Amino acid sequence: MALVISAHLGLTMFIALSNAQETSQVSTPIPPPNPEEGPQLKDIFFDSEEDEIRPDAESVLRENVETLKKNPSLALIIEGYSDSRGTDSYNLRLGKTRADATKAYLVELGIDPKRIKTVARGTTIKFSSASTEEAFQLNRRSHFILEPYQTTESIEPPSRTTDELPKPQPFPTSQQLYEVLEDELKLLAPKEIIFNPMREMKAGESQTVGVQVSKKIMENLHEGLKEKKVPETDKIRLGQVLKFDLSGNNFNIKTVNIGEESSAQEGFTELNWEITPLKTGTQSLLLTATVNIETPDSGNELKEYPLYVKAVKVKFNPVYSAIKFIKSYWIWIVGLIIVSGIVGWGVKR
C-alpha cells in the first residue's frame, strides 16, 4: 500500500511541476506617438509562432499605405520582433519572416519595394520585459521606422557622346541575388507551396505532415528574376527542384517520403514527414527551402530560405508523461520503492 501511495505522490508532483508557469509583474510602457515628429505609422501584431498577417492588422496596414502614398519622399524600415520564448536564432528567423510578410503586403497594396527595407530584431529589443501573455503579445510585432527616401534616379541630358553612354549593368553580387530570390520565393509561396499542418496534437503521438509544391515553381522563380530585371538573368542557373526541410525545437521529425504524388493535387509534388511532439504547450514548425544557385562569379552555392512558421498546440498526454517521467527518474523510483519497503517492514516489526 505504501508503495502505491508513494508512486502516486511522485506522479502528482511531476504533473504539477510540468504545468507550472513563470510570471513577472515588470512591464515597460511604450510612449504614444508624438504628432510633432511628422507622419507616424502604426505597428501590427502577430499570433504566437505565426508570421501571417492577422485581419486586425490588415486595416492598420491600409492606413499605413495611405500615409506612405501621401509622403513619397519617405522610405520605410520594417523591424520584425518576437516574444522571449524560443532560441535566439529561431526568434531572429521568425522576426525576419514577419518583417518580410509585412513588406509583401505593403507591396501588394502599391508601395514600391525599393522604398522598403526589412530587419530582423527577434528579442534583441523588448517592448515589454514581463513574462505574461500580454507582454508576449506586445513583443510579437512589426515596427515601422520612416526615413528620407534616397533615390538614385536622375534626369538624362538631351544628348551624349559615345563615351558618356551608360555602361552595361554589372552582374549582381551573391547577396543581391539572394535577396531578390528571397523576395520572389515569398511572393510565390502562398500559391505554389501548400503547407497546412494540424493545429493541435498530443505529446508523444506521431502524425504525418505534408507540403505540396508546384512542379513549375523553379520555372516561375526564374521568370520572376527576369521580371525584376536582374542583370544577365540568362547566366543564372537554378536547380531543377527545391529542397525542403522541416524543423522544430520540441519535435522528433523523420522524413517519410520525397516526391510522392499519390495524394497531391494535379501539377504538385508532395513531401511528407512524421512528427512527434516532445513537449506540451504551443510549439512551432519551421519550413525552409534550399535553392541550388549557379552564377559566373560565385559558382555553385546552396542558399536556405525560411518560408513558413506554423504554431501547433501540443496537449498534455498523461500516459506519455508518465512513461517519460519513469525513464528520467527510474533510479529515484527504485530507491523510493526500496525505502518504502524497508519502512513498511519496520512498521510491521
Protein backbone atom coordinates (compact mmCIF):
# COMPACT_ATOMS: atom_id res chain seq x y z
CA MET A 1 0.00 0.00 0.00
CA ALA A 2 2.86 2.37 0.91
CA LEU A 3 4.43 1.67 -2.49
CA VAL A 4 1.27 2.67 -4.39
CA ILE A 5 0.85 5.86 -2.38
CA SER A 6 4.49 6.87 -2.91
CA ALA A 7 4.33 6.28 -6.68
CA HIS A 8 1.05 8.23 -6.88
CA LEU A 9 2.55 11.17 -4.97
CA GLY A 10 5.60 11.18 -7.27
CA LEU A 11 3.48 11.28 -10.43
CA THR A 12 1.22 14.00 -8.98
CA MET A 13 4.24 16.19 -8.19
CA PHE A 14 5.62 15.70 -11.71
CA ILE A 15 2.35 16.79 -13.37
CA ALA A 16 2.12 19.83 -11.13
CA LEU A 17 5.69 20.88 -12.00
CA SER A 18 5.03 20.34 -15.74
CA ASN A 19 2.08 22.76 -15.69
CA ALA A 20 3.79 25.48 -13.62
CA GLN A 21 4.30 28.80 -15.45
CA GLU A 22 6.73 31.57 -14.67
CA THR A 23 5.19 35.04 -14.40
CA SER A 24 6.52 38.51 -13.75
CA GLN A 25 4.91 41.85 -12.99
CA VAL A 26 7.66 44.04 -14.54
CA SER A 27 6.47 45.83 -17.66
CA THR A 28 7.92 48.61 -19.81
CA PRO A 29 5.28 51.04 -21.09
CA ILE A 30 5.56 52.39 -24.64
CA PRO A 31 5.23 56.16 -25.07
CA PRO A 32 2.49 57.28 -27.51
CA PRO A 33 3.49 58.72 -30.90
CA ASN A 34 4.42 62.40 -30.95
CA PRO A 35 2.41 64.25 -33.65
CA GLU A 36 5.14 66.90 -33.87
CA GLU A 37 7.60 64.33 -35.21
CA GLY A 38 5.77 64.19 -38.56
CA PRO A 39 3.99 61.23 -40.21
CA GLN A 40 3.60 58.17 -38.00
CA LEU A 41 2.92 54.53 -38.88
CA LYS A 42 1.14 52.11 -36.57
CA ASP A 43 2.71 48.78 -35.59
CA ILE A 44 0.97 45.47 -36.29
CA PHE A 45 0.93 42.36 -34.11
CA PHE A 46 1.14 38.60 -34.71
CA ASP A 47 -0.16 35.42 -33.10
CA SER A 48 2.28 33.19 -31.25
CA GLU A 49 4.74 31.42 -33.60
CA GLU A 50 2.96 32.91 -36.64
CA ASP A 51 4.11 35.20 -39.45
CA GLU A 52 0.72 35.54 -41.15
CA ILE A 53 -0.96 38.97 -41.33
CA ARG A 54 -3.98 38.97 -39.00
CA PRO A 55 -7.32 40.51 -40.06
CA ASP A 56 -6.95 43.31 -37.49
CA ALA A 57 -3.51 44.12 -38.93
CA GLU A 58 -4.83 44.46 -42.49
CA SER A 59 -6.79 47.64 -41.69
CA VAL A 60 -3.72 49.09 -39.94
CA LEU A 61 -1.53 48.35 -42.95
CA ARG A 62 -4.03 50.02 -45.29
CA GLU A 63 -3.83 53.15 -43.12
CA ASN A 64 -0.04 52.98 -43.24
CA VAL A 65 -0.14 52.67 -47.04
CA GLU A 66 -2.21 55.86 -47.30
CA THR A 67 0.36 57.66 -45.16
CA LEU A 68 3.20 56.39 -47.35
CA LYS A 69 1.41 57.43 -50.55
CA LYS A 70 0.92 60.94 -49.14
CA ASN A 71 4.63 61.14 -48.30
CA PRO A 72 6.56 59.83 -51.35
CA SER A 73 9.78 61.38 -50.05
CA LEU A 74 9.88 58.88 -47.17
CA ALA A 75 11.21 55.33 -47.15
CA LEU A 76 10.40 52.63 -44.63
CA ILE A 77 12.31 50.21 -42.40
CA ILE A 78 10.27 47.28 -41.09
CA GLU A 79 11.64 45.68 -37.94
CA GLY A 80 10.41 42.17 -37.09
CA TYR A 81 10.16 41.20 -33.41
CA SER A 82 9.22 38.09 -31.42
CA ASP A 83 8.47 37.26 -27.81
CA SER A 84 11.13 35.83 -25.48
CA ARG A 85 10.17 32.17 -25.95
CA GLY A 86 12.40 30.13 -28.26
CA THR A 87 16.09 30.23 -29.12
CA ASP A 88 17.84 33.41 -30.28
CA SER A 89 18.41 32.06 -33.81
CA TYR A 90 14.80 30.91 -34.13
CA ASN A 91 13.47 34.27 -32.88
CA LEU A 92 15.61 36.13 -35.42
CA ARG A 93 14.29 33.93 -38.25
CA LEU A 94 10.73 34.48 -37.05
CA GLY A 95 11.33 38.25 -36.85
CA LYS A 96 12.64 38.19 -40.42
CA THR A 97 9.65 36.26 -41.81
CA ARG A 98 7.25 38.63 -40.03
CA ALA A 99 9.00 41.69 -41.47
CA ASP A 100 9.07 40.10 -44.94
CA ALA A 101 5.36 39.20 -44.75
CA THR A 102 4.59 42.80 -43.79
CA LYS A 103 6.65 44.11 -46.70
CA ALA A 104 4.94 41.75 -49.17
CA TYR A 105 1.53 43.00 -48.01
CA LEU A 106 2.54 46.66 -48.47
CA VAL A 107 3.92 45.91 -51.94
CA GLU A 108 0.62 44.26 -52.90
CA LEU A 109 -1.13 47.48 -51.86
CA GLY A 110 1.00 49.52 -54.24
CA ILE A 111 4.14 50.57 -52.34
CA ASP A 112 7.38 50.42 -54.34
CA PRO A 113 9.54 47.62 -52.81
CA LYS A 114 12.60 49.86 -53.29
CA ARG A 115 11.19 52.10 -50.55
CA ILE A 116 11.11 49.26 -48.01
CA LYS A 117 13.87 47.53 -46.05
CA THR A 118 13.36 44.68 -43.59
CA VAL A 119 15.38 43.98 -40.44
CA ALA A 120 15.16 41.03 -38.04
CA ARG A 121 15.27 42.06 -34.38
CA GLY A 122 13.90 38.92 -32.70
CA THR A 123 14.18 39.52 -28.97
CA THR A 124 17.24 41.79 -29.14
CA ILE A 125 14.94 44.68 -28.17
CA LYS A 126 11.89 44.21 -25.96
CA PHE A 127 8.81 46.44 -25.83
CA SER A 128 7.93 44.76 -22.52
CA SER A 129 10.25 42.79 -20.25
CA ALA A 130 7.49 40.88 -18.44
CA SER A 131 6.73 37.17 -18.90
CA THR A 132 2.94 37.40 -19.16
CA GLU A 133 0.76 36.62 -22.18
CA GLU A 134 0.06 40.37 -22.54
CA ALA A 135 3.79 41.09 -22.67
CA PHE A 136 4.42 38.29 -25.18
CA GLN A 137 1.71 39.73 -27.46
CA LEU A 138 3.20 43.20 -27.14
CA ASN A 139 6.57 41.94 -28.38
CA ARG A 140 5.22 39.96 -31.36
CA ARG A 141 5.11 42.83 -33.85
CA SER A 142 6.33 44.56 -36.97
CA HIS A 143 7.60 48.02 -36.08
CA PHE A 144 7.87 50.81 -38.68
CA ILE A 145 10.58 53.46 -38.96
CA LEU A 146 10.37 56.25 -41.53
CA GLU A 147 13.45 57.79 -43.12
CA PRO A 148 14.20 60.02 -46.15
CA TYR A 149 13.90 58.15 -49.43
CA GLN A 150 17.22 58.21 -51.26
CA THR A 151 16.50 57.73 -54.95
CA THR A 152 19.26 57.10 -57.47
CA GLU A 153 17.21 58.22 -60.47
CA SER A 154 18.45 61.27 -62.39
CA ILE A 155 17.38 63.25 -65.46
CA GLU A 156 19.41 62.38 -68.52
CA PRO A 157 20.89 65.17 -70.64
CA PRO A 158 19.37 65.68 -74.11
CA SER A 159 22.38 64.27 -75.93
CA ARG A 160 25.51 62.37 -75.00
CA THR A 161 28.67 61.26 -76.74
CA THR A 162 29.55 57.60 -77.14
CA ASP A 163 31.89 57.76 -74.16
CA GLU A 164 29.05 59.08 -71.99
CA LEU A 165 26.63 56.27 -72.81
CA PRO A 166 25.74 54.11 -69.77
CA LYS A 167 27.93 51.07 -69.26
CA PRO A 168 26.33 47.61 -69.14
CA GLN A 169 24.83 46.89 -65.76
CA PRO A 170 27.23 44.69 -63.72
CA PHE A 171 26.27 41.19 -62.71
CA PRO A 172 24.63 41.25 -59.26
CA THR A 173 26.61 40.23 -56.20
CA SER A 174 25.67 37.00 -54.46
CA GLN A 175 23.98 38.90 -51.63
CA GLN A 176 21.89 40.98 -54.04
CA LEU A 177 20.81 37.85 -55.90
CA TYR A 178 19.96 36.08 -52.64
CA GLU A 179 17.73 38.96 -51.54
CA VAL A 180 15.88 39.06 -54.88
CA LEU A 181 15.35 35.29 -54.78
CA GLU A 182 14.06 35.52 -51.22
CA ASP A 183 11.52 38.21 -52.15
CA GLU A 184 10.37 36.20 -55.15
CA LEU A 185 10.04 32.97 -53.14
CA LYS A 186 7.93 34.76 -50.51
CA LEU A 187 5.62 36.03 -53.25
CA LEU A 188 5.31 32.60 -54.92
CA ALA A 189 4.91 30.59 -51.70
CA PRO A 190 1.20 31.27 -50.94
CA LYS A 191 0.11 29.87 -54.34
CA GLU A 192 2.81 27.31 -55.13
CA ILE A 193 3.80 25.89 -51.73
CA ILE A 194 0.90 24.50 -49.68
CA PHE A 195 1.79 23.85 -46.04
CA ASN A 196 -1.06 23.45 -43.57
CA PRO A 197 -0.06 21.26 -40.60
CA MET A 198 -2.54 20.31 -37.89
CA ARG A 199 -3.22 22.96 -35.24
CA GLU A 200 -3.41 20.56 -32.30
CA MET A 201 -1.53 17.40 -31.31
CA LYS A 202 -0.90 15.31 -28.19
CA ALA A 203 2.56 14.97 -26.69
CA GLY A 204 4.20 11.70 -27.72
CA GLU A 205 1.70 10.92 -30.50
CA SER A 206 3.04 10.85 -34.08
CA GLN A 207 1.27 12.30 -37.11
CA THR A 208 2.18 12.90 -40.75
CA VAL A 209 2.72 16.43 -42.01
CA GLY A 210 2.93 17.18 -45.72
CA VAL A 211 3.81 20.02 -48.06
CA GLN A 212 2.67 20.24 -51.68
CA VAL A 213 4.93 22.03 -54.14
CA SER A 214 4.09 23.19 -57.66
CA LYS A 215 6.14 21.44 -60.35
CA LYS A 216 6.58 24.78 -62.10
CA ILE A 217 7.92 26.71 -59.13
CA MET A 218 11.55 26.78 -60.36
CA GLU A 219 10.43 27.91 -63.81
CA ASN A 220 8.30 30.64 -62.26
CA LEU A 221 11.13 31.63 -59.93
CA HIS A 222 13.45 32.17 -62.89
CA GLU A 223 10.75 34.14 -64.71
CA GLY A 224 10.44 36.30 -61.61
CA LEU A 225 14.12 37.21 -61.90
CA LYS A 226 13.51 38.37 -65.47
CA GLU A 227 10.51 40.46 -64.43
CA LYS A 228 12.58 42.11 -61.71
CA LYS A 229 15.17 42.87 -64.42
CA VAL A 230 18.05 41.16 -62.65
CA PRO A 231 21.11 41.74 -64.89
CA GLU A 232 22.25 38.79 -67.03
CA THR A 233 19.43 36.55 -65.83
CA ASP A 234 20.24 34.08 -68.61
CA LYS A 235 23.59 33.35 -66.90
CA ILE A 236 21.91 32.35 -63.61
CA ARG A 237 21.20 28.65 -63.25
CA LEU A 238 18.74 27.38 -60.64
CA GLY A 239 18.41 23.73 -59.65
CA GLN A 240 15.55 21.69 -61.07
CA VAL A 241 13.84 21.31 -57.67
CA LEU A 242 13.76 22.96 -54.26
CA LYS A 243 14.97 21.01 -51.26
CA PHE A 244 12.64 21.36 -48.27
CA ASP A 245 13.39 20.82 -44.61
CA LEU A 246 11.02 20.74 -41.64
CA SER A 247 12.34 21.53 -38.15
CA GLY A 248 11.03 22.26 -34.67
CA ASN A 249 12.77 22.70 -31.32
CA ASN A 250 10.49 20.28 -29.44
CA PHE A 251 9.65 17.78 -32.17
CA ASN A 252 11.12 14.48 -33.31
CA ILE A 253 10.91 14.68 -37.13
CA LYS A 254 11.54 11.89 -39.64
CA THR A 255 11.29 12.05 -43.43
CA VAL A 256 8.58 9.72 -44.74
CA ASN A 257 8.73 10.29 -48.49
CA ILE A 258 10.12 12.71 -51.04
CA GLY A 259 8.36 13.42 -54.33
CA GLU A 260 5.24 11.31 -53.83
CA GLU A 261 2.31 12.36 -55.99
CA SER A 262 -0.47 9.96 -54.97
CA SER A 263 -2.22 12.37 -52.60
CA ALA A 264 -1.10 15.64 -54.18
CA GLN A 265 -3.32 17.70 -56.44
CA GLU A 266 -2.55 17.75 -60.15
CA GLY A 267 0.58 19.70 -61.01
CA PHE A 268 2.00 19.39 -57.49
CA THR A 269 4.50 17.09 -55.79
CA GLU A 270 4.02 16.08 -52.15
CA LEU A 271 6.64 15.66 -49.42
CA ASN A 272 5.81 14.13 -46.03
CA TRP A 273 7.35 13.98 -42.57
CA GLU A 274 6.38 12.05 -39.45
CA ILE A 275 6.46 14.39 -36.47
CA THR A 276 6.20 13.61 -32.77
CA PRO A 277 5.83 16.48 -30.29
CA LEU A 278 8.01 16.04 -27.21
CA LYS A 279 6.72 18.86 -25.02
CA THR A 280 3.33 20.32 -24.12
CA GLY A 281 2.37 23.92 -24.86
CA THR A 282 2.46 25.95 -28.07
CA GLN A 283 5.32 24.70 -30.24
CA SER A 284 6.41 25.77 -33.71
CA LEU A 285 7.31 24.10 -37.00
CA LEU A 286 9.66 25.85 -39.44
CA LEU A 287 9.60 25.02 -43.16
CA THR A 288 12.70 26.07 -45.09
CA ALA A 289 13.57 25.78 -48.78
CA THR A 290 17.07 25.39 -50.20
CA VAL A 291 17.84 26.70 -53.70
CA ASN A 292 20.78 25.49 -55.77
CA ILE A 293 22.18 28.64 -57.44
CA GLU A 294 24.93 28.74 -60.06
CA THR A 295 26.37 32.09 -61.20
CA PRO A 296 29.51 33.07 -63.18
CA ASP A 297 31.11 34.88 -60.21
CA SER A 298 30.27 32.60 -57.27
CA GLY A 299 29.95 29.17 -58.86
CA ASN A 300 27.54 26.63 -57.39
CA GLU A 301 26.03 27.55 -53.99
CA LEU A 302 23.16 26.39 -51.80
CA LYS A 303 21.01 29.05 -50.12
CA GLU A 304 18.42 28.28 -47.44
CA TYR A 305 15.30 30.44 -47.01
CA PRO A 306 12.75 30.20 -44.16
CA LEU A 307 9.25 30.19 -45.68
CA TYR A 308 6.64 29.27 -43.08
CA VAL A 309 6.44 29.23 -39.30
CA LYS A 310 3.37 27.37 -38.04
CA ALA A 311 2.16 27.08 -34.44
CA VAL A 312 0.99 23.73 -33.06
CA LYS A 313 -0.79 23.44 -29.72
CA VAL A 314 0.52 20.32 -28.02
CA LYS A 315 -1.86 18.94 -25.39
CA PHE A 316 -0.87 17.09 -22.22
CA ASN A 317 -0.74 13.29 -22.59
CA PRO A 318 -0.75 11.57 -19.16
CA VAL A 319 0.45 8.19 -20.48
CA TYR A 320 3.37 9.72 -22.41
CA SER A 321 4.27 12.00 -19.49
CA ALA A 322 4.22 9.10 -17.02
CA ILE A 323 6.49 6.98 -19.24
CA LYS A 324 8.84 9.90 -19.78
CA PHE A 325 8.94 10.56 -16.03
CA ILE A 326 9.72 6.92 -15.25
CA LYS A 327 12.52 6.80 -17.86
CA SER A 328 14.06 10.01 -16.49
CA TYR A 329 13.82 9.19 -12.78
CA TRP A 330 13.77 5.39 -12.63
CA ILE A 331 16.72 5.30 -10.21
CA TRP A 332 14.86 7.54 -7.78
CA ILE A 333 11.68 5.50 -8.20
CA VAL A 334 13.53 2.25 -7.45
CA GLY A 335 15.12 3.89 -4.42
CA LEU A 336 11.71 5.12 -3.26
CA ILE A 337 10.29 1.62 -3.59
CA ILE A 338 13.17 0.14 -1.56
CA VAL A 339 12.86 2.79 1.16
CA SER A 340 9.08 2.31 1.27
CA GLY A 341 9.55 -1.45 1.62
CA ILE A 342 12.05 -1.03 4.44
CA VAL A 343 9.77 1.45 6.24
CA GLY A 344 6.79 -0.88 5.85
CA TRP A 345 8.81 -3.85 7.11
CA GLY A 346 9.95 -1.78 10.12
CA VAL A 347 6.39 -0.78 10.95
CA LYS A 348 5.26 -4.42 10.91
CA ARG A 349 8.15 -5.38 13.17
